[in-house]
C-alpha atoms as a PDB file:
ATOM      1  CA  MET A   1       5.399  33.057 -24.191  1.00  0.00           C
ATOM      2  CA  LEU A   2       6.759  32.096 -20.872  1.00  0.00           C
ATOM      3  CA  LYS A   3       3.325  30.936 -19.393  1.00  0.00           C
ATOM      4  CA  LYS A   4       3.617  28.511 -22.773  1.00  0.00           C
ATOM      5  CA  ILE A   5       6.826  27.379 -21.893  1.00  0.00           C
ATOM      6  CA  SER A   6       6.198  26.349 -18.429  1.00  0.00           C
ATOM      7  CA  GLN A   7       2.960  24.203 -19.503  1.00  0.00           C
ATOM      8  CA  ILE A   8       5.450  22.656 -21.815  1.00  0.00           C
ATOM      9  CA  LYS A   9       7.650  21.868 -18.934  1.00  0.00           C
ATOM     10  CA  LYS A  10       5.319  20.812 -16.812  1.00  0.00           C
ATOM     11  CA  TRP A  11       4.036  18.078 -19.097  1.00  0.00           C
ATOM     12  CA  GLN A  12       7.500  17.179 -19.707  1.00  0.00           C
ATOM     13  CA  LEU A  13       7.901  16.414 -16.338  1.00  0.00           C
ATOM     14  CA  VAL A  14       4.767  14.523 -15.726  1.00  0.00           C
ATOM     15  CA  LEU A  15       5.915  12.319 -18.825  1.00  0.00           C
ATOM     16  CA  TYR A  16       9.311  11.865 -17.233  1.00  0.00           C
ATOM     17  CA  ALA A  17       7.414  10.631 -14.088  1.00  0.00           C
ATOM     18  CA  VAL A  18       5.562   7.945 -16.103  1.00  0.00           C
ATOM     19  CA  LEU A  19       8.739   6.818 -17.749  1.00  0.00           C
ATOM     20  CA  LEU A  20      10.616   6.465 -14.471  1.00  0.00           C
ATOM     21  CA  VAL A  21       7.509   4.650 -13.063  1.00  0.00           C
ATOM     22  CA  MET A  22       7.556   1.992 -15.710  1.00  0.00           C
ATOM     23  CA  VAL A  23      11.400   1.695 -15.728  1.00  0.00           C
ATOM     24  CA  VAL A  24      11.206   0.709 -12.144  1.00  0.00           C
ATOM     25  CA  GLY A  25       8.591  -1.339 -12.697  1.00  0.00           C
ATOM     26  CA  LEU A  26      10.400  -3.259 -15.819  1.00  0.00           C
ATOM     27  CA  MET A  27      13.304  -3.841 -13.223  1.00  0.00           C
ATOM     28  CA  PHE A  28      11.000  -5.488 -10.369  1.00  0.00           C
ATOM     29  CA  SER A  29       9.067  -7.116 -13.096  1.00  0.00           C
ATOM     30  CA  LEU A  30      12.478  -8.910 -14.633  1.00  0.00           C
ATOM     31  CA  LYS A  31      14.108  -9.366 -11.295  1.00  0.00           C
ATOM     32  CA  ASN A  32      11.019 -11.770 -10.410  1.00  0.00           C
ATOM     33  CA  CYS A  33      10.125 -12.756 -13.402  1.00  0.00           C
ATOM     34  CA  GLY A  34       7.955 -15.860 -13.486  1.00  0.00           C
ATOM     35  CA  LYS A  35       6.238 -15.232 -10.501  1.00  0.00           C
ATOM     36  CA  GLU A  36       2.329 -14.540 -10.573  1.00  0.00           C
ATOM     37  CA  PRO A  37       0.888 -11.451  -8.886  1.00  0.00           C
ATOM     38  CA  THR A  38      -1.186 -12.171  -5.591  1.00  0.00           C
ATOM     39  CA  GLN A  39      -4.962 -11.870  -6.211  1.00  0.00           C
ATOM     40  CA  VAL A  40      -6.495  -8.330  -6.340  1.00  0.00           C
ATOM     41  CA  ILE A  41     -10.260  -7.634  -5.476  1.00  0.00           C
ATOM     42  CA  GLY A  42     -10.189  -4.386  -7.498  1.00  0.00           C
ATOM     43  CA  ASN A  43      -7.463  -1.633  -8.425  1.00  0.00           C
ATOM     44  CA  ASN A  44     -10.127   1.069  -9.832  1.00  0.00           C
ATOM     45  CA  ARG A  45     -10.579   4.178  -7.823  1.00  0.00           C
ATOM     46  CA  THR A  46     -13.865   5.397  -7.487  1.00  0.00           C
ATOM     47  CA  ASP A  47     -15.881   7.971  -5.121  1.00  0.00           C
ATOM     48  CA  GLN A  48     -17.669   5.269  -2.707  1.00  0.00           C
ATOM     49  CA  ALA A  49     -17.025   2.859  -0.865  1.00  0.00           C
ATOM     50  CA  SER A  50     -17.071  -0.834  -1.716  1.00  0.00           C
ATOM     51  CA  GLY A  51     -19.303  -1.971   1.486  1.00  0.00           C
ATOM     52  CA  GLY A  52     -19.805  -5.164   3.094  1.00  0.00           C
ATOM     53  CA  ASP A  53     -16.202  -6.614   4.641  1.00  0.00           C
ATOM     54  CA  THR A  54     -14.091  -5.020   1.823  1.00  0.00           C
ATOM     55  CA  ILE A  55     -11.268  -3.138   2.595  1.00  0.00           C
ATOM     56  CA  ASP A  56     -10.784   0.398   0.650  1.00  0.00           C
ATOM     57  CA  VAL A  57      -7.098   0.753   0.256  1.00  0.00           C
ATOM     58  CA  ALA A  58      -5.775   4.569  -0.979  1.00  0.00           C
ATOM     59  CA  ILE A  59      -2.645   3.506  -2.195  1.00  0.00           C
ATOM     60  CA  GLU A  60       0.412   5.783  -2.998  1.00  0.00           C
ATOM     61  CA  TYR A  61       1.381   5.190  -6.788  1.00  0.00           C
ATOM     62  CA  SER A  62       5.245   5.215  -6.498  1.00  0.00           C
ATOM     63  CA  PRO A  63       7.999   2.902  -7.435  1.00  0.00           C
ATOM     64  CA  LEU A  64       7.963   1.644  -3.823  1.00  0.00           C
ATOM     65  CA  SER A  65       4.493   1.450  -2.803  1.00  0.00           C
ATOM     66  CA  TYR A  66       2.488   0.933  -6.139  1.00  0.00           C
ATOM     67  CA  TYR A  67       3.529   0.662  -9.793  1.00  0.00           C
ATOM     68  CA  THR A  68       1.947  -1.029 -13.173  1.00  0.00           C
ATOM     69  CA  TYR A  69       4.170  -1.507 -16.089  1.00  0.00           C
ATOM     70  CA  GLY A  70       2.104  -3.754 -18.639  1.00  0.00           C
ATOM     71  CA  ASP A  71       0.460  -6.648 -17.036  1.00  0.00           C
ATOM     72  CA  THR A  72       2.964  -6.381 -13.884  1.00  0.00           C
ATOM     73  CA  THR A  73       1.568  -4.412 -11.104  1.00  0.00           C
ATOM     74  CA  GLY A  74       4.115  -4.329  -7.840  1.00  0.00           C
ATOM     75  CA  GLY A  75       5.434  -2.033  -5.270  1.00  0.00           C
ATOM     76  CA  PHE A  76       6.254  -3.249  -1.354  1.00  0.00           C
ATOM     77  CA  TYR A  77       2.859  -1.773   0.109  1.00  0.00           C
ATOM     78  CA  TYR A  78       1.096  -3.421  -2.737  1.00  0.00           C
ATOM     79  CA  GLU A  79       2.232  -6.764  -2.390  1.00  0.00           C
ATOM     80  CA  LEU A  80       2.573  -7.062   1.593  1.00  0.00           C
ATOM     81  CA  ILE A  81      -1.298  -6.195   1.756  1.00  0.00           C
ATOM     82  CA  ASN A  82      -1.904  -8.874  -0.685  1.00  0.00           C
ATOM     83  CA  LEU A  83       0.158 -11.153   1.300  1.00  0.00           C
ATOM     84  CA  MET A  84      -1.855 -10.404   4.338  1.00  0.00           C
ATOM     85  CA  SER A  85      -5.112 -10.806   2.635  1.00  0.00           C
ATOM     86  CA  GLU A  86      -4.092 -14.360   0.944  1.00  0.00           C
ATOM     87  CA  ASP A  87      -2.681 -15.244   4.268  1.00  0.00           C
ATOM     88  CA  SER A  88      -6.018 -13.807   7.016  1.00  0.00           C
ATOM     89  CA  GLY A  89      -8.687 -14.258   3.618  1.00  0.00           C
ATOM     90  CA  MET A  90      -9.609 -10.240   4.144  1.00  0.00           C
ATOM     91  CA  LYS A  91     -11.349  -8.756   0.993  1.00  0.00           C
ATOM     92  CA  VAL A  92      -9.061  -5.907  -0.195  1.00  0.00           C
ATOM     93  CA  LYS A  93      -9.964  -3.208  -3.328  1.00  0.00           C
ATOM     94  CA  PHE A  94      -6.984  -0.498  -3.968  1.00  0.00           C
ATOM     95  CA  HIS A  95      -7.547   2.884  -5.117  1.00  0.00           C
ATOM     96  CA  PRO A  96      -4.176   3.827  -6.433  1.00  0.00           C
ATOM     97  CA  ILE A  97      -3.825   7.994  -5.490  1.00  0.00           C
ATOM     98  CA  VAL A  98      -0.925  10.660  -6.373  1.00  0.00           C
ATOM     99  CA  SER A  99      -1.570  13.406  -4.017  1.00  0.00           C
ATOM    100  CA  LEU A 100      -1.644  12.213  -0.349  1.00  0.00           C
ATOM    101  CA  ASN A 101      -4.127  15.199   0.227  1.00  0.00           C
ATOM    102  CA  THR A 102      -6.288  13.292  -1.548  1.00  0.00           C
ATOM    103  CA  ALA A 103      -6.021   9.922   0.444  1.00  0.00           C
ATOM    104  CA  LEU A 104      -6.091  11.829   3.691  1.00  0.00           C
ATOM    105  CA  GLU A 105      -9.897  13.389   2.049  1.00  0.00           C
ATOM    106  CA  GLY A 106     -11.047  10.367   0.952  1.00  0.00           C
ATOM    107  CA  LEU A 107     -10.656   8.732   4.350  1.00  0.00           C
ATOM    108  CA  GLU A 108     -12.505  11.631   6.082  1.00  0.00           C
ATOM    109  CA  LYS A 109     -15.169  11.364   3.957  1.00  0.00           C
ATOM    110  CA  GLY A 110     -15.404   7.581   4.130  1.00  0.00           C
ATOM    111  CA  VAL A 111     -14.322   6.656   0.599  1.00  0.00           C
ATOM    112  CA  TYR A 112     -11.222   4.526   1.773  1.00  0.00           C
ATOM    113  CA  ASP A 113     -10.694   2.724   5.226  1.00  0.00           C
ATOM    114  CA  LEU A 114      -7.083   2.691   4.673  1.00  0.00           C
ATOM    115  CA  VAL A 115      -4.181   4.824   3.714  1.00  0.00           C
ATOM    116  CA  ALA A 116      -1.023   2.883   2.374  1.00  0.00           C
ATOM    117  CA  ALA A 117       1.717   5.860   1.663  1.00  0.00           C
ATOM    118  CA  GLN A 118       4.537   7.469   2.938  1.00  0.00           C
ATOM    119  CA  PHE A 119       3.365   8.672   6.328  1.00  0.00           C
ATOM    120  CA  PRO A 120       5.778   8.549   9.298  1.00  0.00           C
ATOM    121  CA  VAL A 121       4.026   7.607  13.086  1.00  0.00           C
ATOM    122  CA  THR A 122       4.760  11.083  14.531  1.00  0.00           C
ATOM    123  CA  ARG A 123       3.077  12.476  17.959  1.00  0.00           C
ATOM    124  CA  GLU A 124       1.480  14.750  15.586  1.00  0.00           C
ATOM    125  CA  ASN A 125       0.250  12.695  13.474  1.00  0.00           C
ATOM    126  CA  LYS A 126      -1.108   9.762  16.341  1.00  0.00           C
ATOM    127  CA  GLU A 127      -3.380  12.479  17.390  1.00  0.00           C
ATOM    128  CA  ASN A 128      -5.383  12.421  14.229  1.00  0.00           C
ATOM    129  CA  TYR A 129      -5.112   8.923  12.905  1.00  0.00           C
ATOM    130  CA  LEU A 130      -4.855   5.478  13.842  1.00  0.00           C
ATOM    131  CA  PHE A 131      -1.985   3.162  12.983  1.00  0.00           C
ATOM    132  CA  THR A 132      -1.223  -0.189  12.750  1.00  0.00           C
ATOM    133  CA  GLU A 133       1.509  -2.255  13.771  1.00  0.00           C
ATOM    134  CA  ALA A 134       4.709  -0.791  12.495  1.00  0.00           C
ATOM    135  CA  ILE A 135       6.242  -2.255   9.008  1.00  0.00           C
ATOM    136  CA  TYR A 136       9.305  -0.650   8.489  1.00  0.00           C
ATOM    137  CA  LEU A 137      11.987   2.107   9.520  1.00  0.00           C
ATOM    138  CA  ASP A 138      12.478   5.345   7.439  1.00  0.00           C
ATOM    139  CA  LYS A 139      13.449   9.009   7.884  1.00  0.00           C
ATOM    140  CA  GLN A 140      13.090  12.193   5.669  1.00  0.00           C
ATOM    141  CA  VAL A 141      16.133  13.870   3.544  1.00  0.00           C
ATOM    142  CA  LEU A 142      16.909  16.742   1.696  1.00  0.00           C
ATOM    143  CA  VAL A 143      17.157  16.673  -2.099  1.00  0.00           C
ATOM    144  CA  GLN A 144      19.019  19.045  -3.576  1.00  0.00           C
ATOM    145  CA  ARG A 145      21.150  19.322  -6.800  1.00  0.00           C
ATOM    146  CA  ASN A 146      24.936  18.554  -6.469  1.00  0.00           C
ATOM    147  CA  ASN A 147      26.801  20.490  -9.341  1.00  0.00           C
ATOM    148  CA  GLY A 148      30.519  20.190  -8.143  1.00  0.00           C
ATOM    149  CA  GLY A 149      29.304  20.769  -4.568  1.00  0.00           C
ATOM    150  CA  ILE A 150      25.914  21.375  -2.175  1.00  0.00           C
ATOM    151  CA  ALA A 151      24.971  24.219  -0.990  1.00  0.00           C
ATOM    152  CA  ILE A 152      23.388  22.437   2.118  1.00  0.00           C
ATOM    153  CA  ARG A 153      25.967  20.745   4.354  1.00  0.00           C
ATOM    154  CA  SER A 154      24.130  20.725   7.753  1.00  0.00           C
ATOM    155  CA  GLN A 155      20.224  21.667   8.745  1.00  0.00           C
ATOM    156  CA  LEU A 156      21.792  25.208   9.796  1.00  0.00           C
ATOM    157  CA  ASP A 157      22.362  26.302   5.977  1.00  0.00           C
ATOM    158  CA  LEU A 158      19.125  25.961   5.803  1.00  0.00           C
ATOM    159  CA  ALA A 159      17.865  29.061   7.508  1.00  0.00           C
ATOM    160  CA  GLY A 160      16.090  31.613   5.639  1.00  0.00           C
ATOM    161  CA  ASP A 161      15.780  29.631   2.720  1.00  0.00           C
ATOM    162  CA  THR A 162      12.476  27.500   0.994  1.00  0.00           C
ATOM    163  CA  VAL A 163      12.120  23.548   0.414  1.00  0.00           C
ATOM    164  CA  THR A 164       8.738  22.282  -1.316  1.00  0.00           C
ATOM    165  CA  ILE A 165       6.969  19.250  -0.082  1.00  0.00           C
ATOM    166  CA  VAL A 166       4.156  17.584  -1.103  1.00  0.00           C
ATOM    167  CA  LYS A 167       0.765  18.535  -0.102  1.00  0.00           C
ATOM    168  CA  GLY A 168      -0.625  16.977   3.084  1.00  0.00           C
ATOM    169  CA  SER A 169       2.854  15.796   4.541  1.00  0.00           C
ATOM    170  CA  PRO A 170       3.561  15.839   8.057  1.00  0.00           C
ATOM    171  CA  MET A 171       6.906  16.800   6.619  1.00  0.00           C
ATOM    172  CA  ARG A 172       5.999  20.305   7.541  1.00  0.00           C
ATOM    173  CA  ASP A 173       5.527  19.739  11.165  1.00  0.00           C
ATOM    174  CA  ARG A 174       9.028  18.390  11.102  1.00  0.00           C
ATOM    175  CA  ILE A 175      10.304  21.448   9.190  1.00  0.00           C
ATOM    176  CA  MET A 176       8.608  23.905  11.253  1.00  0.00           C
ATOM    177  CA  SER A 177      10.208  22.108  14.564  1.00  0.00           C
ATOM    178  CA  LEU A 178      13.592  22.578  12.921  1.00  0.00           C
ATOM    179  CA  SER A 179      13.074  26.087  12.289  1.00  0.00           C
ATOM    180  CA  ARG A 180      12.472  26.792  15.916  1.00  0.00           C
ATOM    181  CA  GLU A 181      15.746  24.427  16.439  1.00  0.00           C
ATOM    182  CA  ILE A 182      18.222  26.734  14.533  1.00  0.00           C
ATOM    183  CA  GLY A 183      16.235  29.553  15.471  1.00  0.00           C
ATOM    184  CA  ASP A 184      15.613  31.035  12.113  1.00  0.00           C
ATOM    185  CA  THR A 185      12.884  30.447   9.385  1.00  0.00           C
ATOM    186  CA  ILE A 186      12.759  28.209   6.746  1.00  0.00           C
ATOM    187  CA  TYR A 187       9.734  28.797   4.209  1.00  0.00           C
ATOM    188  CA  VAL A 188       7.852  25.919   3.164  1.00  0.00           C
ATOM    189  CA  ILE A 189       5.788  25.362  -0.078  1.00  0.00           C
ATOM    190  CA  SER A 190       3.450  22.570  -0.352  1.00  0.00           C
ATOM    191  CA  ASP A 191       2.897  21.243  -3.890  1.00  0.00           C
ATOM    192  CA  PRO A 192      -0.988  20.385  -4.364  1.00  0.00           C
ATOM    193  CA  GLU A 193      -0.381  18.314  -7.327  1.00  0.00           C
ATOM    194  CA  TYR A 194       2.664  16.243  -7.331  1.00  0.00           C
ATOM    195  CA  GLY A 195       3.917  13.332  -5.294  1.00  0.00           C
ATOM    196  CA  PRO A 196       7.457  12.790  -3.674  1.00  0.00           C
ATOM    197  CA  GLU A 197       9.118  11.517  -7.100  1.00  0.00           C
ATOM    198  CA  GLN A 198       7.924  14.091  -9.018  1.00  0.00           C
ATOM    199  CA  LEU A 199       9.718  16.626  -6.460  1.00  0.00           C
ATOM    200  CA  PHE A 200      12.611  14.782  -6.756  1.00  0.00           C
ATOM    201  CA  MET A 201      12.942  15.409 -10.363  1.00  0.00           C
ATOM    202  CA  MET A 202      11.786  18.850 -10.430  1.00  0.00           C
ATOM    203  CA  VAL A 203      14.780  19.278  -8.344  1.00  0.00           C
ATOM    204  CA  ALA A 204      17.078  17.418 -10.333  1.00  0.00           C
ATOM    205  CA  SER A 205      15.853  19.364 -13.548  1.00  0.00           C
ATOM    206  CA  GLY A 206      16.474  23.035 -11.694  1.00  0.00           C
ATOM    207  CA  ASP A 207      12.777  23.572 -11.683  1.00  0.00           C
ATOM    208  CA  ILE A 208      12.788  24.053  -7.878  1.00  0.00           C
ATOM    209  CA  LYS A 209      15.781  24.310  -5.382  1.00  0.00           C
ATOM    210  CA  TYR A 210      15.139  21.806  -2.511  1.00  0.00           C
ATOM    211  CA  ALA A 211      12.532  19.268  -1.350  1.00  0.00           C
ATOM    212  CA  VAL A 212      11.922  17.128   1.368  1.00  0.00           C
ATOM    213  CA  ILE A 213      10.902  13.139   0.538  1.00  0.00           C
ATOM    214  CA  ASN A 214      11.290  10.028   2.269  1.00  0.00           C
ATOM    215  CA  GLU A 215      14.641   8.707   2.414  1.00  0.00           C
ATOM    216  CA  THR A 216      13.654   4.888   0.625  1.00  0.00           C
ATOM    217  CA  ILE A 217      12.078   6.532  -2.336  1.00  0.00           C
ATOM    218  CA  ALA A 218      15.000   9.274  -2.358  1.00  0.00           C
ATOM    219  CA  ARG A 219      17.697   6.975  -2.326  1.00  0.00           C
ATOM    220  CA  LYS A 220      16.131   4.609  -5.038  1.00  0.00           C
ATOM    221  CA  MET A 221      15.608   7.630  -7.252  1.00  0.00           C
ATOM    222  CA  ALA A 222      19.447   9.012  -6.927  1.00  0.00           C
ATOM    223  CA  ALA A 223      20.692   5.972  -8.092  1.00  0.00           C
ATOM    224  CA  SER A 224      20.317   7.134 -11.359  1.00  0.00           C
ATOM    225  CA  HIS A 225      20.477  10.827 -10.999  1.00  0.00           C
ATOM    226  CA  PRO A 226      24.266  11.546 -10.062  1.00  0.00           C
ATOM    227  CA  ASN A 227      23.466  15.198 -10.077  1.00  0.00           C
ATOM    228  CA  VAL A 228      21.140  15.066  -7.210  1.00  0.00           C
ATOM    229  CA  ASP A 229      22.271  14.922  -3.403  1.00  0.00           C
ATOM    230  CA  ILE A 230      20.449  13.238  -0.590  1.00  0.00           C
ATOM    231  CA  SER A 231      23.203  12.905   2.025  1.00  0.00           C
ATOM    232  CA  GLN A 232      21.444  15.627   4.642  1.00  0.00           C
ATOM    233  CA  ALA A 233      18.532  14.341   6.808  1.00  0.00           C
ATOM    234  CA  ILE A 234      15.915  16.310   8.206  1.00  0.00           C
ATOM    235  CA  SER A 235      14.199  13.682  10.522  1.00  0.00           C
ATOM    236  CA  PHE A 236      15.796  11.087  12.678  1.00  0.00           C
ATOM    237  CA  SER A 237      14.143   7.333  11.825  1.00  0.00           C
ATOM    238  CA  GLN A 238      10.442   7.061  12.112  1.00  0.00           C
ATOM    239  CA  PHE A 239       8.352   4.333  12.165  1.00  0.00           C
ATOM    240  CA  GLN A 240       6.293   3.843   8.782  1.00  0.00           C
ATOM    241  CA  SER A 241       2.883   2.124   9.232  1.00  0.00           C
ATOM    242  CA  PHE A 242      -0.678   1.738   7.322  1.00  0.00           C
ATOM    243  CA  PHE A 243      -3.060   4.561   9.328  1.00  0.00           C
ATOM    244  CA  MET A 244      -6.995   4.676   9.085  1.00  0.00           C
ATOM    245  CA  LYS A 245      -9.505   7.219  11.176  1.00  0.00           C
ATOM    246  CA  LYS A 246      -9.279   7.506  14.868  1.00  0.00           C
ATOM    247  CA  ASP A 247     -12.092   5.671  15.649  1.00  0.00           C
ATOM    248  CA  ASN A 248     -11.760   2.601  13.496  1.00  0.00           C
ATOM    249  CA  THR A 249     -10.483   0.346  16.543  1.00  0.00           C
ATOM    250  CA  GLU A 250     -11.816  -2.816  14.900  1.00  0.00           C
ATOM    251  CA  LEU A 251      -9.805  -2.510  11.573  1.00  0.00           C
ATOM    252  CA  LYS A 252      -6.691  -1.452  13.536  1.00  0.00           C
ATOM    253  CA  LYS A 253      -6.686  -4.761  15.717  1.00  0.00           C
ATOM    254  CA  GLN A 254      -7.605  -6.819  12.212  1.00  0.00           C
ATOM    255  CA  LEU A 255      -4.795  -5.495  10.656  1.00  0.00           C
ATOM    256  CA  ASP A 256      -2.115  -5.832  13.398  1.00  0.00           C
ATOM    257  CA  GLU A 257      -2.819  -9.506  13.651  1.00  0.00           C
ATOM    258  CA  SER A 258      -2.241  -9.976  10.088  1.00  0.00           C
ATOM    259  CA  ILE A 259       0.308  -7.907  10.108  1.00  0.00           C
ATOM    260  CA  LYS A 260       2.225  -9.682  12.822  1.00  0.00           C
ATOM    261  CA  ALA A 261       1.372 -12.965  10.937  1.00  0.00           C
ATOM    262  CA  ALA A 262       2.947 -11.778   7.822  1.00  0.00           C
ATOM    263  CA  LYS A 263       6.153 -10.670   9.546  1.00  0.00           C
ATOM    264  CA  LYS A 264       6.403 -14.449  10.218  1.00  0.00           C
ATOM    265  CA  LEU A 265       6.338 -15.742   6.497  1.00  0.00           C
ATOM    266  CA  PRO A 266       9.770 -16.127   4.438  1.00  0.00           C
ATOM    267  CA  GLN A 267       7.579 -14.010   1.956  1.00  0.00           C
ATOM    268  CA  TYR A 268       8.065 -10.787   4.115  1.00  0.00           C
ATOM    269  CA  ASN A 269      11.478 -11.249   4.660  1.00  0.00           C
ATOM    270  CA  GLU A 270      11.406 -11.515   0.332  1.00  0.00           C
ATOM    271  CA  LEU A 271       9.824  -8.251   0.113  1.00  0.00           C
ATOM    272  CA  ILE A 272      12.171  -6.704   1.932  1.00  0.00           C
ATOM    273  CA  LYS A 273      14.935  -7.725  -0.005  1.00  0.00           C
ATOM    274  CA  LYS A 274      13.646  -6.787  -3.130  1.00  0.00           C
ATOM    275  CA  TYR A 275      12.386  -3.305  -2.106  1.00  0.00           C
ATOM    276  CA  PHE A 276      14.884  -2.213   0.510  1.00  0.00           C
ATOM    277  CA  TYR A 277      18.620  -3.606  -0.934  1.00  0.00           C
END
């Protein structure tokens, strides 16, 4: 009986996540009513690379990175890559993914050339992947319920407690470092199924105690969840970039040039205002 109840809650959570993305998508589409989306070569997920000069991009399905609502498709990473494509002429095919771990596996197998997801540029990550020119700054925050007060008021309060992260997330390294800094154990659960938005909602619904996700996503979601607190930072501000396999230097060079050129366009500043302010 308890197992059936747990399964029902799980499906409710998934439905809630889909509805949330649809609502955010509607907000952005209304904000930009009348604007036609830029051309996309494709957005179907496959198990094979496109080949030729097409860049296969694994893009994180989230209100910030990529979303669809009816006939509207948007997201900061999605629109930025399309802007780069239009400006430079490069061909792009999008592969929406929910699990970061799926993107990392696909990158290793050669299914994807590039990953566009919440994945900070850290020393540890640079040992395994090649990062493009920096796109924006972000940091990692603790998501906790606020029922008239919060339990974690400083990083020291996490001693002996447990946080949940997305499987494959580099946040594990940061939390392990924090554990050493405070001189006590912080336990980490890596969730293999859900993305950062779902973890946020699992905290909001009381299914899990704490989660660690990027502030940009947390801030957008916290606006409609007054019972959730995101004030406790877990990391310093970090650069966010696209990333690829370590040996793909030619693609990095191409993308760096395209990102630098896109940053000079007025459309880039419009995207920053649209998604971050």
